[in-house]
């Protein structure tokens, strides 16, 4: 079992996220933006801290509505930097505002954040990393990998022995996110192309 699958099974804070969200496709832009912001804010910190602060982050960032966050200005930036319920890192706060504006820019050509992701799928991890680096702020390789894995755009969120793996794979298959080299029936392993 992957280290996160085994860890989450023993930790109630992680179990709900692991069992109901991790590796499952999402279409709602606020959910996609939230996931990206959680991954960015987690850099250098623990995922458990992000789950603990999730409600505070959601409240501070207007429900992770990209349209609202895109309009944040200096007063909002200072409010966030003074809020003990969020990660008070100027680079991460600036990335949230900048990235919200990027997501809003997708509405013209792609209709949504999900539309932008779908328009580029499937890419291999290195191509995703390059695309995110060119498009977003504060999106290093690990952030990109975890973001895409958490949403089913990349495989292997769950180990084959994880009881959630088959359900996550079925959700990925239904959303059309299985990679060409994956089989809809294989779980945790890649089938030959």
N, C-alpha and C. Protein backbone atom coordinates (compact mmCIF):
# COMPACT_ATOMS: atom_id res chain seq x y z
N UNK A 1 0.86 -1.18 0.00
CA UNK A 1 0.00 0.00 0.00
C UNK A 1 0.90 1.23 0.00
N UNK A 2 0.51 2.29 -0.74
CA UNK A 2 1.31 3.50 -0.75
C UNK A 2 1.38 4.05 0.66
N UNK A 3 2.40 4.82 0.91
CA UNK A 3 2.58 5.34 2.26
C UNK A 3 1.38 6.20 2.68
N UNK A 4 0.79 6.97 1.75
CA UNK A 4 -0.36 7.79 2.14
C UNK A 4 -1.58 6.92 2.43
N UNK A 5 -1.81 5.88 1.65
CA UNK A 5 -2.94 5.00 1.90
C UNK A 5 -2.84 4.37 3.28
N UNK A 6 -1.67 3.86 3.62
CA UNK A 6 -1.46 3.23 4.92
C UNK A 6 -1.58 4.26 6.04
N UNK A 7 -0.98 5.43 5.84
CA UNK A 7 -1.00 6.48 6.86
C UNK A 7 -2.43 6.96 7.11
N UNK A 8 -3.17 7.21 6.04
CA UNK A 8 -4.53 7.74 6.16
C UNK A 8 -5.45 6.77 6.88
N UNK A 9 -5.23 5.49 6.69
CA UNK A 9 -6.07 4.48 7.34
C UNK A 9 -5.99 4.58 8.86
N UNK A 10 -4.86 5.06 9.36
CA UNK A 10 -4.64 5.14 10.80
C UNK A 10 -4.87 6.53 11.38
N UNK A 11 -5.16 7.52 10.55
CA UNK A 11 -5.29 8.90 11.02
C UNK A 11 -6.62 9.51 10.57
N UNK A 12 -7.54 9.70 11.51
CA UNK A 12 -8.87 10.20 11.17
C UNK A 12 -8.87 11.51 10.38
N UNK A 13 -7.94 12.40 10.66
CA UNK A 13 -7.88 13.67 9.94
C UNK A 13 -7.68 13.46 8.45
N UNK A 14 -6.91 12.45 8.09
CA UNK A 14 -6.59 12.16 6.69
C UNK A 14 -7.59 11.20 6.04
N UNK A 15 -8.24 10.37 6.83
CA UNK A 15 -9.05 9.29 6.28
C UNK A 15 -10.16 9.80 5.35
N UNK A 16 -10.90 10.81 5.76
CA UNK A 16 -11.99 11.32 4.93
C UNK A 16 -11.49 11.86 3.60
N UNK A 17 -10.40 12.62 3.64
CA UNK A 17 -9.83 13.16 2.41
C UNK A 17 -9.36 12.02 1.51
N UNK A 18 -8.63 11.08 2.08
CA UNK A 18 -8.11 9.94 1.33
C UNK A 18 -9.23 9.12 0.71
N UNK A 19 -10.25 8.82 1.49
CA UNK A 19 -11.30 7.91 1.04
C UNK A 19 -12.32 8.55 0.10
N UNK A 20 -12.53 9.85 0.20
CA UNK A 20 -13.60 10.50 -0.56
C UNK A 20 -13.14 11.51 -1.60
N UNK A 21 -11.89 11.98 -1.49
CA UNK A 21 -11.45 13.04 -2.40
C UNK A 21 -10.20 12.69 -3.20
N UNK A 22 -9.22 12.11 -2.56
CA UNK A 22 -7.91 11.90 -3.17
C UNK A 22 -7.99 10.93 -4.35
N UNK A 23 -7.63 11.41 -5.52
CA UNK A 23 -7.64 10.58 -6.72
C UNK A 23 -8.96 10.59 -7.47
N UNK A 24 -9.94 11.34 -6.97
CA UNK A 24 -11.26 11.40 -7.60
C UNK A 24 -11.39 12.68 -8.43
N UNK A 25 -11.83 12.56 -9.68
CA UNK A 25 -11.98 13.74 -10.54
C UNK A 25 -12.98 14.75 -9.97
N UNK A 26 -12.72 16.00 -10.25
CA UNK A 26 -13.59 17.10 -9.86
C UNK A 26 -13.81 18.01 -11.06
N UNK A 27 -14.96 18.64 -11.14
CA UNK A 27 -15.27 19.55 -12.25
C UNK A 27 -15.48 20.99 -11.78
N UNK A 28 -15.79 21.18 -10.53
CA UNK A 28 -16.11 22.49 -10.00
C UNK A 28 -14.85 23.34 -9.85
N UNK A 29 -14.86 24.54 -10.43
CA UNK A 29 -13.67 25.38 -10.40
C UNK A 29 -13.24 25.76 -8.99
N UNK A 30 -14.18 25.98 -8.09
CA UNK A 30 -13.81 26.31 -6.72
C UNK A 30 -13.09 25.14 -6.06
N UNK A 31 -13.52 23.93 -6.34
CA UNK A 31 -12.85 22.74 -5.79
C UNK A 31 -11.47 22.58 -6.41
N UNK A 32 -11.36 22.76 -7.71
CA UNK A 32 -10.06 22.66 -8.38
C UNK A 32 -9.10 23.73 -7.86
N UNK A 33 -9.59 24.95 -7.73
CA UNK A 33 -8.75 26.04 -7.23
C UNK A 33 -8.36 25.79 -5.78
N UNK A 34 -9.29 25.29 -4.98
CA UNK A 34 -8.98 24.94 -3.59
C UNK A 34 -7.86 23.92 -3.54
N UNK A 35 -7.96 22.88 -4.34
CA UNK A 35 -6.95 21.82 -4.33
C UNK A 35 -5.59 22.39 -4.71
N UNK A 36 -5.55 23.26 -5.72
CA UNK A 36 -4.29 23.87 -6.11
C UNK A 36 -3.74 24.74 -4.98
N UNK A 37 -4.60 25.51 -4.34
CA UNK A 37 -4.15 26.38 -3.26
C UNK A 37 -3.70 25.57 -2.04
N UNK A 38 -4.36 24.48 -1.75
CA UNK A 38 -3.91 23.63 -0.64
C UNK A 38 -2.54 23.05 -0.94
N UNK A 39 -2.32 22.61 -2.16
CA UNK A 39 -1.01 22.06 -2.53
C UNK A 39 0.07 23.13 -2.45
N UNK A 40 -0.23 24.32 -2.93
CA UNK A 40 0.76 25.41 -2.87
C UNK A 40 1.05 25.78 -1.42
N UNK A 41 0.01 25.90 -0.62
CA UNK A 41 0.21 26.27 0.79
C UNK A 41 0.92 25.18 1.57
N UNK A 42 0.80 23.94 1.13
CA UNK A 42 1.43 22.83 1.83
C UNK A 42 2.94 22.80 1.63
N UNK A 43 3.45 23.44 0.60
CA UNK A 43 4.89 23.40 0.31
C UNK A 43 5.71 23.74 1.55
N UNK A 44 6.55 22.80 1.96
CA UNK A 44 7.39 22.97 3.13
C UNK A 44 6.69 22.68 4.44
N UNK A 45 5.43 22.33 4.39
CA UNK A 45 4.64 22.06 5.59
C UNK A 45 4.01 20.67 5.45
N UNK A 46 3.22 20.28 6.43
CA UNK A 46 2.59 18.96 6.36
C UNK A 46 1.20 19.04 5.75
N UNK A 47 0.79 17.93 5.12
CA UNK A 47 -0.56 17.86 4.57
C UNK A 47 -1.59 17.91 5.70
N UNK A 48 -1.25 17.34 6.83
CA UNK A 48 -2.15 17.39 7.98
C UNK A 48 -2.47 18.82 8.39
N UNK A 49 -1.48 19.70 8.34
CA UNK A 49 -1.71 21.10 8.67
C UNK A 49 -2.70 21.73 7.68
N UNK A 50 -2.59 21.35 6.41
CA UNK A 50 -3.53 21.89 5.41
C UNK A 50 -4.95 21.42 5.70
N UNK A 51 -5.08 20.15 6.07
CA UNK A 51 -6.41 19.64 6.39
C UNK A 51 -6.96 20.32 7.64
N UNK A 52 -6.10 20.60 8.62
CA UNK A 52 -6.53 21.31 9.83
C UNK A 52 -6.98 22.73 9.51
N UNK A 53 -6.27 23.39 8.62
CA UNK A 53 -6.55 24.79 8.30
C UNK A 53 -7.52 24.96 7.12
N UNK A 54 -7.98 23.88 6.57
CA UNK A 54 -8.78 23.93 5.35
C UNK A 54 -10.00 24.84 5.47
N UNK A 55 -10.76 24.71 6.53
CA UNK A 55 -11.95 25.55 6.69
C UNK A 55 -11.58 27.02 6.83
N UNK A 56 -10.53 27.31 7.58
CA UNK A 56 -10.06 28.70 7.72
C UNK A 56 -9.58 29.25 6.40
N UNK A 57 -8.84 28.44 5.65
CA UNK A 57 -8.37 28.86 4.33
C UNK A 57 -9.55 29.12 3.40
N UNK A 58 -10.52 28.23 3.43
CA UNK A 58 -11.70 28.38 2.57
C UNK A 58 -12.43 29.69 2.89
N UNK A 59 -12.57 29.98 4.17
CA UNK A 59 -13.24 31.21 4.57
C UNK A 59 -12.43 32.45 4.17
N UNK A 60 -11.14 32.42 4.43
CA UNK A 60 -10.27 33.57 4.13
C UNK A 60 -10.17 33.84 2.64
N UNK A 61 -10.25 32.78 1.83
CA UNK A 61 -10.13 32.91 0.38
C UNK A 61 -11.49 32.82 -0.32
N UNK A 62 -12.52 33.37 0.31
CA UNK A 62 -13.84 33.52 -0.31
C UNK A 62 -14.38 32.22 -0.91
N UNK A 63 -14.26 31.14 -0.14
CA UNK A 63 -14.76 29.85 -0.62
C UNK A 63 -13.97 29.30 -1.79
N UNK A 64 -12.77 29.81 -1.97
CA UNK A 64 -11.89 29.45 -3.10
C UNK A 64 -12.56 29.73 -4.44
N UNK A 65 -13.43 30.71 -4.46
CA UNK A 65 -14.06 31.12 -5.71
C UNK A 65 -13.03 31.94 -6.49
N UNK A 66 -12.54 31.42 -7.62
CA UNK A 66 -11.50 32.15 -8.35
C UNK A 66 -11.94 33.55 -8.79
N UNK A 67 -13.22 33.72 -9.12
CA UNK A 67 -13.71 35.04 -9.54
C UNK A 67 -13.57 36.05 -8.41
N UNK A 68 -13.82 35.64 -7.18
CA UNK A 68 -13.71 36.54 -6.04
C UNK A 68 -12.25 36.79 -5.68
N UNK A 69 -11.45 35.73 -5.62
CA UNK A 69 -10.04 35.87 -5.24
C UNK A 69 -9.28 36.69 -6.28
N UNK A 70 -9.67 36.59 -7.53
CA UNK A 70 -9.02 37.37 -8.60
C UNK A 70 -9.13 38.87 -8.35
N UNK A 71 -10.16 39.29 -7.63
CA UNK A 71 -10.36 40.70 -7.33
C UNK A 71 -9.69 41.14 -6.04
N UNK A 72 -9.03 40.24 -5.33
CA UNK A 72 -8.35 40.62 -4.10
C UNK A 72 -7.28 41.67 -4.40
N UNK A 73 -7.19 42.66 -3.53
CA UNK A 73 -6.20 43.72 -3.68
C UNK A 73 -5.28 43.78 -2.47
N UNK A 74 -4.64 44.91 -2.30
CA UNK A 74 -3.67 45.08 -1.22
C UNK A 74 -4.29 44.90 0.16
N UNK A 75 -5.50 45.40 0.35
CA UNK A 75 -6.15 45.26 1.65
C UNK A 75 -6.41 43.79 1.98
N UNK A 76 -6.84 43.02 0.98
CA UNK A 76 -7.06 41.58 1.17
C UNK A 76 -5.75 40.87 1.45
N UNK A 77 -4.72 41.25 0.73
CA UNK A 77 -3.40 40.65 0.92
C UNK A 77 -2.94 40.86 2.37
N UNK A 78 -3.08 42.07 2.86
CA UNK A 78 -2.67 42.37 4.25
C UNK A 78 -3.55 41.63 5.25
N UNK A 79 -4.83 41.53 4.96
CA UNK A 79 -5.75 40.76 5.82
C UNK A 79 -5.30 39.31 5.92
N UNK A 80 -4.96 38.72 4.80
CA UNK A 80 -4.51 37.32 4.78
C UNK A 80 -3.20 37.15 5.53
N UNK A 81 -2.29 38.08 5.35
CA UNK A 81 -0.99 37.98 6.02
C UNK A 81 -1.09 38.17 7.53
N UNK A 82 -2.19 38.74 8.01
CA UNK A 82 -2.41 38.93 9.44
C UNK A 82 -3.31 37.85 10.05
N UNK A 83 -3.85 36.97 9.24
CA UNK A 83 -4.82 35.97 9.68
C UNK A 83 -4.11 34.71 10.17
N UNK A 84 -4.19 34.40 11.48
CA UNK A 84 -3.51 33.20 11.99
C UNK A 84 -4.14 31.89 11.51
N UNK A 85 -5.31 31.96 10.89
CA UNK A 85 -5.97 30.76 10.40
C UNK A 85 -5.46 30.29 9.05
N UNK A 86 -4.62 31.10 8.40
CA UNK A 86 -4.10 30.74 7.08
C UNK A 86 -2.58 30.65 7.14
N UNK A 87 -1.99 30.25 6.03
CA UNK A 87 -0.53 30.21 5.92
C UNK A 87 -0.10 31.63 5.55
N UNK A 88 0.59 32.28 6.47
CA UNK A 88 0.93 33.70 6.30
C UNK A 88 2.30 33.84 5.63
N UNK A 89 2.32 33.47 4.38
CA UNK A 89 3.53 33.55 3.57
C UNK A 89 3.19 34.42 2.36
N UNK A 90 3.90 35.53 2.23
CA UNK A 90 3.58 36.49 1.16
C UNK A 90 3.62 35.85 -0.23
N UNK A 91 4.61 34.99 -0.47
CA UNK A 91 4.70 34.36 -1.79
C UNK A 91 3.48 33.48 -2.08
N UNK A 92 3.01 32.77 -1.06
CA UNK A 92 1.85 31.91 -1.24
C UNK A 92 0.56 32.71 -1.38
N UNK A 93 0.44 33.79 -0.62
CA UNK A 93 -0.73 34.67 -0.75
C UNK A 93 -0.75 35.31 -2.13
N UNK A 94 0.40 35.82 -2.56
CA UNK A 94 0.48 36.41 -3.91
C UNK A 94 0.15 35.38 -4.99
N UNK A 95 0.63 34.15 -4.80
CA UNK A 95 0.35 33.09 -5.77
C UNK A 95 -1.15 32.81 -5.85
N UNK A 96 -1.83 32.84 -4.72
CA UNK A 96 -3.28 32.59 -4.72
C UNK A 96 -4.00 33.63 -5.57
N UNK A 97 -3.65 34.88 -5.39
CA UNK A 97 -4.32 35.96 -6.13
C UNK A 97 -3.97 35.88 -7.61
N UNK A 98 -2.69 35.74 -7.90
CA UNK A 98 -2.25 35.64 -9.30
C UNK A 98 -2.88 34.43 -9.98
N UNK A 99 -2.86 33.28 -9.31
CA UNK A 99 -3.40 32.06 -9.92
C UNK A 99 -4.91 32.13 -10.10
N UNK A 100 -5.61 32.83 -9.21
CA UNK A 100 -7.05 33.03 -9.41
C UNK A 100 -7.29 33.81 -10.69
N UNK A 101 -6.47 34.80 -10.94
CA UNK A 101 -6.61 35.59 -12.18
C UNK A 101 -6.31 34.73 -13.40
N UNK A 102 -5.36 33.83 -13.28
CA UNK A 102 -5.06 32.91 -14.38
C UNK A 102 -6.27 32.02 -14.64
N UNK A 103 -6.84 31.45 -13.59
CA UNK A 103 -8.01 30.58 -13.75
C UNK A 103 -9.15 31.35 -14.42
N UNK A 104 -9.39 32.57 -13.99
CA UNK A 104 -10.46 33.37 -14.59
C UNK A 104 -10.17 33.61 -16.08
N UNK A 105 -8.91 33.75 -16.44
CA UNK A 105 -8.56 33.95 -17.85
C UNK A 105 -8.91 32.73 -18.71
N UNK A 106 -9.02 31.55 -18.09
CA UNK A 106 -9.39 30.34 -18.82
C UNK A 106 -10.84 30.39 -19.30
N UNK A 107 -11.67 31.20 -18.67
CA UNK A 107 -13.10 31.21 -18.98
C UNK A 107 -13.37 31.63 -20.42
N UNK A 108 -12.49 32.44 -20.99
CA UNK A 108 -12.69 32.87 -22.37
C UNK A 108 -12.45 31.73 -23.36
N UNK A 109 -11.32 31.06 -23.26
CA UNK A 109 -10.98 30.04 -24.24
C UNK A 109 -11.39 28.62 -23.88
N UNK A 110 -11.49 28.34 -22.58
CA UNK A 110 -11.74 26.96 -22.14
C UNK A 110 -13.02 26.80 -21.33
N UNK A 111 -13.67 27.88 -20.99
CA UNK A 111 -14.91 27.92 -20.23
C UNK A 111 -14.73 27.66 -18.74
N UNK A 112 -13.66 26.97 -18.34
CA UNK A 112 -13.47 26.64 -16.93
C UNK A 112 -12.04 26.15 -16.70
N UNK A 113 -11.67 26.03 -15.44
CA UNK A 113 -10.39 25.43 -15.06
C UNK A 113 -10.37 23.98 -15.52
N UNK A 114 -11.48 23.27 -15.29
CA UNK A 114 -11.57 21.87 -15.73
C UNK A 114 -11.42 21.78 -17.24
N UNK A 115 -12.00 22.72 -17.97
CA UNK A 115 -11.87 22.73 -19.42
C UNK A 115 -10.42 22.91 -19.86
N UNK A 116 -9.69 23.76 -19.15
CA UNK A 116 -8.27 23.96 -19.45
C UNK A 116 -7.48 22.67 -19.18
N UNK A 117 -7.74 22.04 -18.04
CA UNK A 117 -7.06 20.78 -17.72
C UNK A 117 -7.39 19.72 -18.77
N UNK A 118 -8.65 19.59 -19.11
CA UNK A 118 -9.07 18.59 -20.09
C UNK A 118 -8.46 18.84 -21.46
N UNK A 119 -8.31 20.10 -21.83
CA UNK A 119 -7.75 20.44 -23.14
C UNK A 119 -6.29 20.00 -23.27
N UNK A 120 -5.62 19.84 -22.14
CA UNK A 120 -4.21 19.45 -22.16
C UNK A 120 -4.00 17.97 -21.81
N UNK A 121 -5.03 17.31 -21.37
CA UNK A 121 -4.92 15.90 -20.98
C UNK A 121 -5.02 15.02 -22.23
N UNK A 122 -4.22 13.96 -22.35
CA UNK A 122 -3.21 13.51 -21.40
C UNK A 122 -1.83 14.08 -21.74
N UNK A 123 -1.12 14.44 -20.72
CA UNK A 123 0.29 14.81 -20.83
C UNK A 123 1.06 13.95 -19.85
N UNK A 124 2.34 13.76 -20.12
CA UNK A 124 3.14 13.08 -19.10
C UNK A 124 3.52 14.10 -18.04
N UNK A 125 4.03 13.64 -16.93
CA UNK A 125 4.30 14.51 -15.80
C UNK A 125 5.24 15.65 -16.16
N UNK A 126 6.29 15.37 -16.90
CA UNK A 126 7.23 16.44 -17.26
C UNK A 126 6.57 17.53 -18.09
N UNK A 127 5.69 17.14 -19.01
CA UNK A 127 4.98 18.14 -19.81
C UNK A 127 3.99 18.93 -18.95
N UNK A 128 3.31 18.27 -18.02
CA UNK A 128 2.43 18.99 -17.09
C UNK A 128 3.24 20.00 -16.28
N UNK A 129 4.40 19.58 -15.79
CA UNK A 129 5.23 20.48 -14.98
C UNK A 129 5.61 21.72 -15.78
N UNK A 130 6.03 21.52 -17.03
CA UNK A 130 6.39 22.66 -17.88
C UNK A 130 5.19 23.58 -18.10
N UNK A 131 4.04 22.99 -18.38
CA UNK A 131 2.84 23.77 -18.63
C UNK A 131 2.45 24.60 -17.39
N UNK A 132 2.47 23.97 -16.23
CA UNK A 132 2.11 24.69 -15.01
C UNK A 132 3.13 25.78 -14.70
N UNK A 133 4.40 25.50 -14.92
CA UNK A 133 5.43 26.51 -14.66
C UNK A 133 5.24 27.72 -15.56
N UNK A 134 4.82 27.50 -16.81
CA UNK A 134 4.58 28.59 -17.75
C UNK A 134 3.29 29.34 -17.45
N UNK A 135 2.36 28.69 -16.77
CA UNK A 135 1.01 29.23 -16.61
C UNK A 135 0.75 29.82 -15.23
N UNK A 136 1.20 29.12 -14.19
CA UNK A 136 0.87 29.51 -12.82
C UNK A 136 2.11 29.98 -12.06
N UNK A 137 1.85 30.51 -10.89
CA UNK A 137 2.90 30.96 -9.98
C UNK A 137 3.00 29.97 -8.82
N UNK A 138 4.23 29.68 -8.38
CA UNK A 138 4.49 28.83 -7.21
C UNK A 138 4.01 27.39 -7.44
N UNK A 139 4.27 26.87 -8.62
CA UNK A 139 3.86 25.49 -8.91
C UNK A 139 5.08 24.68 -9.34
N UNK A 140 5.84 24.24 -8.35
CA UNK A 140 6.97 23.37 -8.61
C UNK A 140 6.49 21.96 -8.94
N UNK A 141 7.44 21.11 -9.26
CA UNK A 141 7.14 19.76 -9.71
C UNK A 141 6.31 18.93 -8.75
N UNK A 142 6.63 18.97 -7.48
CA UNK A 142 5.88 18.16 -6.50
C UNK A 142 4.46 18.69 -6.34
N UNK A 143 4.30 20.00 -6.35
CA UNK A 143 2.96 20.59 -6.26
C UNK A 143 2.11 20.15 -7.45
N UNK A 144 2.68 20.22 -8.64
CA UNK A 144 1.96 19.82 -9.86
C UNK A 144 1.61 18.34 -9.80
N UNK A 145 2.57 17.50 -9.43
CA UNK A 145 2.31 16.06 -9.37
C UNK A 145 1.18 15.74 -8.39
N UNK A 146 1.25 16.30 -7.20
CA UNK A 146 0.22 16.01 -6.20
C UNK A 146 -1.14 16.58 -6.60
N UNK A 147 -1.14 17.77 -7.15
CA UNK A 147 -2.40 18.37 -7.60
C UNK A 147 -3.08 17.47 -8.64
N UNK A 148 -2.34 17.08 -9.65
CA UNK A 148 -2.92 16.27 -10.73
C UNK A 148 -3.27 14.86 -10.28
N UNK A 149 -2.45 14.27 -9.42
CA UNK A 149 -2.76 12.94 -8.87
C UNK A 149 -4.01 13.01 -8.01
N UNK A 150 -4.11 14.06 -7.21
CA UNK A 150 -5.27 14.18 -6.31
C UNK A 150 -6.58 14.32 -7.07
N UNK A 151 -6.50 14.74 -8.33
CA UNK A 151 -7.70 14.93 -9.15
C UNK A 151 -7.89 13.87 -10.22
N UNK A 152 -7.02 12.86 -10.23
CA UNK A 152 -7.16 11.76 -11.17
C UNK A 152 -6.57 12.00 -12.54
N UNK A 153 -5.92 13.13 -12.77
CA UNK A 153 -5.28 13.37 -14.08
C UNK A 153 -4.01 12.56 -14.23
N UNK A 154 -3.41 12.19 -13.13
CA UNK A 154 -2.27 11.27 -13.12
C UNK A 154 -2.68 10.05 -12.31
N UNK A 155 -2.17 8.87 -12.66
CA UNK A 155 -2.57 7.63 -11.97
C UNK A 155 -1.87 7.46 -10.63
N UNK A 156 -2.26 6.41 -9.96
CA UNK A 156 -1.57 5.91 -8.78
C UNK A 156 -1.77 6.73 -7.51
N UNK A 157 -2.92 7.37 -7.37
CA UNK A 157 -3.22 8.02 -6.10
C UNK A 157 -3.31 6.96 -5.00
N UNK A 158 -3.82 5.79 -5.37
CA UNK A 158 -4.02 4.73 -4.39
C UNK A 158 -3.26 3.48 -4.80
N UNK A 159 -2.69 2.82 -3.80
CA UNK A 159 -2.01 1.55 -4.05
C UNK A 159 -3.04 0.49 -4.43
N UNK A 160 -2.59 -0.52 -5.14
CA UNK A 160 -3.48 -1.59 -5.58
C UNK A 160 -4.21 -2.24 -4.41
N UNK A 161 -3.54 -2.36 -3.28
CA UNK A 161 -4.15 -3.01 -2.12
C UNK A 161 -5.08 -2.09 -1.33
N UNK A 162 -5.16 -0.83 -1.70
CA UNK A 162 -6.02 0.12 -0.99
C UNK A 162 -7.48 -0.15 -1.33
N UNK A 163 -8.36 -0.21 -0.33
CA UNK A 163 -9.76 -0.47 -0.60
C UNK A 163 -10.46 0.63 -1.41
N UNK A 164 -9.85 1.79 -1.53
CA UNK A 164 -10.45 2.91 -2.28
C UNK A 164 -10.02 2.88 -3.75
N UNK A 165 -8.98 2.13 -4.08
CA UNK A 165 -8.37 2.18 -5.41
C UNK A 165 -9.35 1.88 -6.54
N UNK A 166 -10.14 0.85 -6.42
CA UNK A 166 -11.07 0.47 -7.50
C UNK A 166 -12.12 1.56 -7.73
N UNK A 167 -12.61 2.14 -6.66
CA UNK A 167 -13.61 3.20 -6.78
C UNK A 167 -13.02 4.45 -7.44
N UNK A 168 -11.79 4.80 -7.06
CA UNK A 168 -11.12 5.97 -7.66
C UNK A 168 -10.85 5.72 -9.14
N UNK A 169 -10.40 4.52 -9.48
CA UNK A 169 -10.12 4.20 -10.88
C UNK A 169 -11.41 4.23 -11.70
N UNK A 170 -12.49 3.71 -11.15
CA UNK A 170 -13.78 3.74 -11.86
C UNK A 170 -14.23 5.19 -12.10
N UNK A 171 -14.02 6.05 -11.12
CA UNK A 171 -14.37 7.47 -11.29
C UNK A 171 -13.50 8.12 -12.35
N UNK A 172 -12.22 7.77 -12.37
CA UNK A 172 -11.31 8.30 -13.41
C UNK A 172 -11.74 7.81 -14.78
N UNK A 173 -12.11 6.54 -14.89
CA UNK A 173 -12.54 5.98 -16.17
C UNK A 173 -13.82 6.68 -16.65
N UNK A 174 -14.77 6.86 -15.75
CA UNK A 174 -16.02 7.52 -16.10
C UNK A 174 -15.78 8.96 -16.58
N UNK A 175 -14.78 9.62 -15.99
CA UNK A 175 -14.45 11.01 -16.37
C UNK A 175 -13.55 11.08 -17.60
N UNK A 176 -13.14 9.92 -18.12
CA UNK A 176 -12.27 9.89 -19.30
C UNK A 176 -10.84 10.27 -18.99
N UNK A 177 -10.39 10.02 -17.77
CA UNK A 177 -9.05 10.44 -17.37
C UNK A 177 -8.02 9.33 -17.34
N UNK A 178 -8.41 8.10 -17.68
CA UNK A 178 -7.40 7.04 -17.73
C UNK A 178 -6.44 7.35 -18.87
N UNK A 179 -5.17 7.13 -18.63
CA UNK A 179 -4.16 7.34 -19.66
C UNK A 179 -4.24 6.21 -20.67
N UNK A 180 -3.78 6.44 -21.91
CA UNK A 180 -3.86 5.38 -22.93
C UNK A 180 -3.23 4.06 -22.49
N UNK A 181 -2.19 4.12 -21.68
CA UNK A 181 -1.51 2.89 -21.26
C UNK A 181 -2.17 2.21 -20.06
N UNK A 182 -3.24 2.80 -19.54
CA UNK A 182 -3.95 2.22 -18.40
C UNK A 182 -5.15 1.42 -18.88
N UNK A 183 -5.47 0.43 -18.10
CA UNK A 183 -6.66 -0.37 -18.35
C UNK A 183 -7.70 0.04 -17.32
N UNK A 184 -8.95 0.08 -17.71
CA UNK A 184 -10.01 0.45 -16.77
C UNK A 184 -10.16 -0.57 -15.66
N UNK A 185 -9.65 -1.78 -15.87
CA UNK A 185 -9.80 -2.82 -14.85
C UNK A 185 -8.58 -2.96 -13.96
N UNK A 186 -7.42 -2.52 -14.43
CA UNK A 186 -6.23 -2.64 -13.58
C UNK A 186 -6.28 -1.55 -12.52
N UNK A 187 -5.86 -1.88 -11.34
CA UNK A 187 -5.86 -0.94 -10.24
C UNK A 187 -4.46 -0.87 -9.68
N UNK A 188 -3.91 0.35 -9.65
CA UNK A 188 -2.59 0.55 -9.06
C UNK A 188 -1.44 0.13 -9.96
N UNK A 189 -1.74 -0.41 -11.13
CA UNK A 189 -0.68 -0.80 -12.06
C UNK A 189 -1.07 -0.31 -13.44
N UNK A 190 -0.11 -0.16 -14.28
CA UNK A 190 -0.37 0.26 -15.65
C UNK A 190 -0.36 -0.95 -16.56
N UNK A 191 -1.35 -1.02 -17.42
CA UNK A 191 -1.41 -2.11 -18.40
C UNK A 191 -0.51 -1.75 -19.57
N UNK A 192 0.02 -2.75 -20.28
CA UNK A 192 0.84 -2.45 -21.45
C UNK A 192 0.04 -1.68 -22.49
N UNK A 193 0.74 -0.84 -23.25
CA UNK A 193 0.07 -0.03 -24.27
C UNK A 193 -0.36 -0.90 -25.43
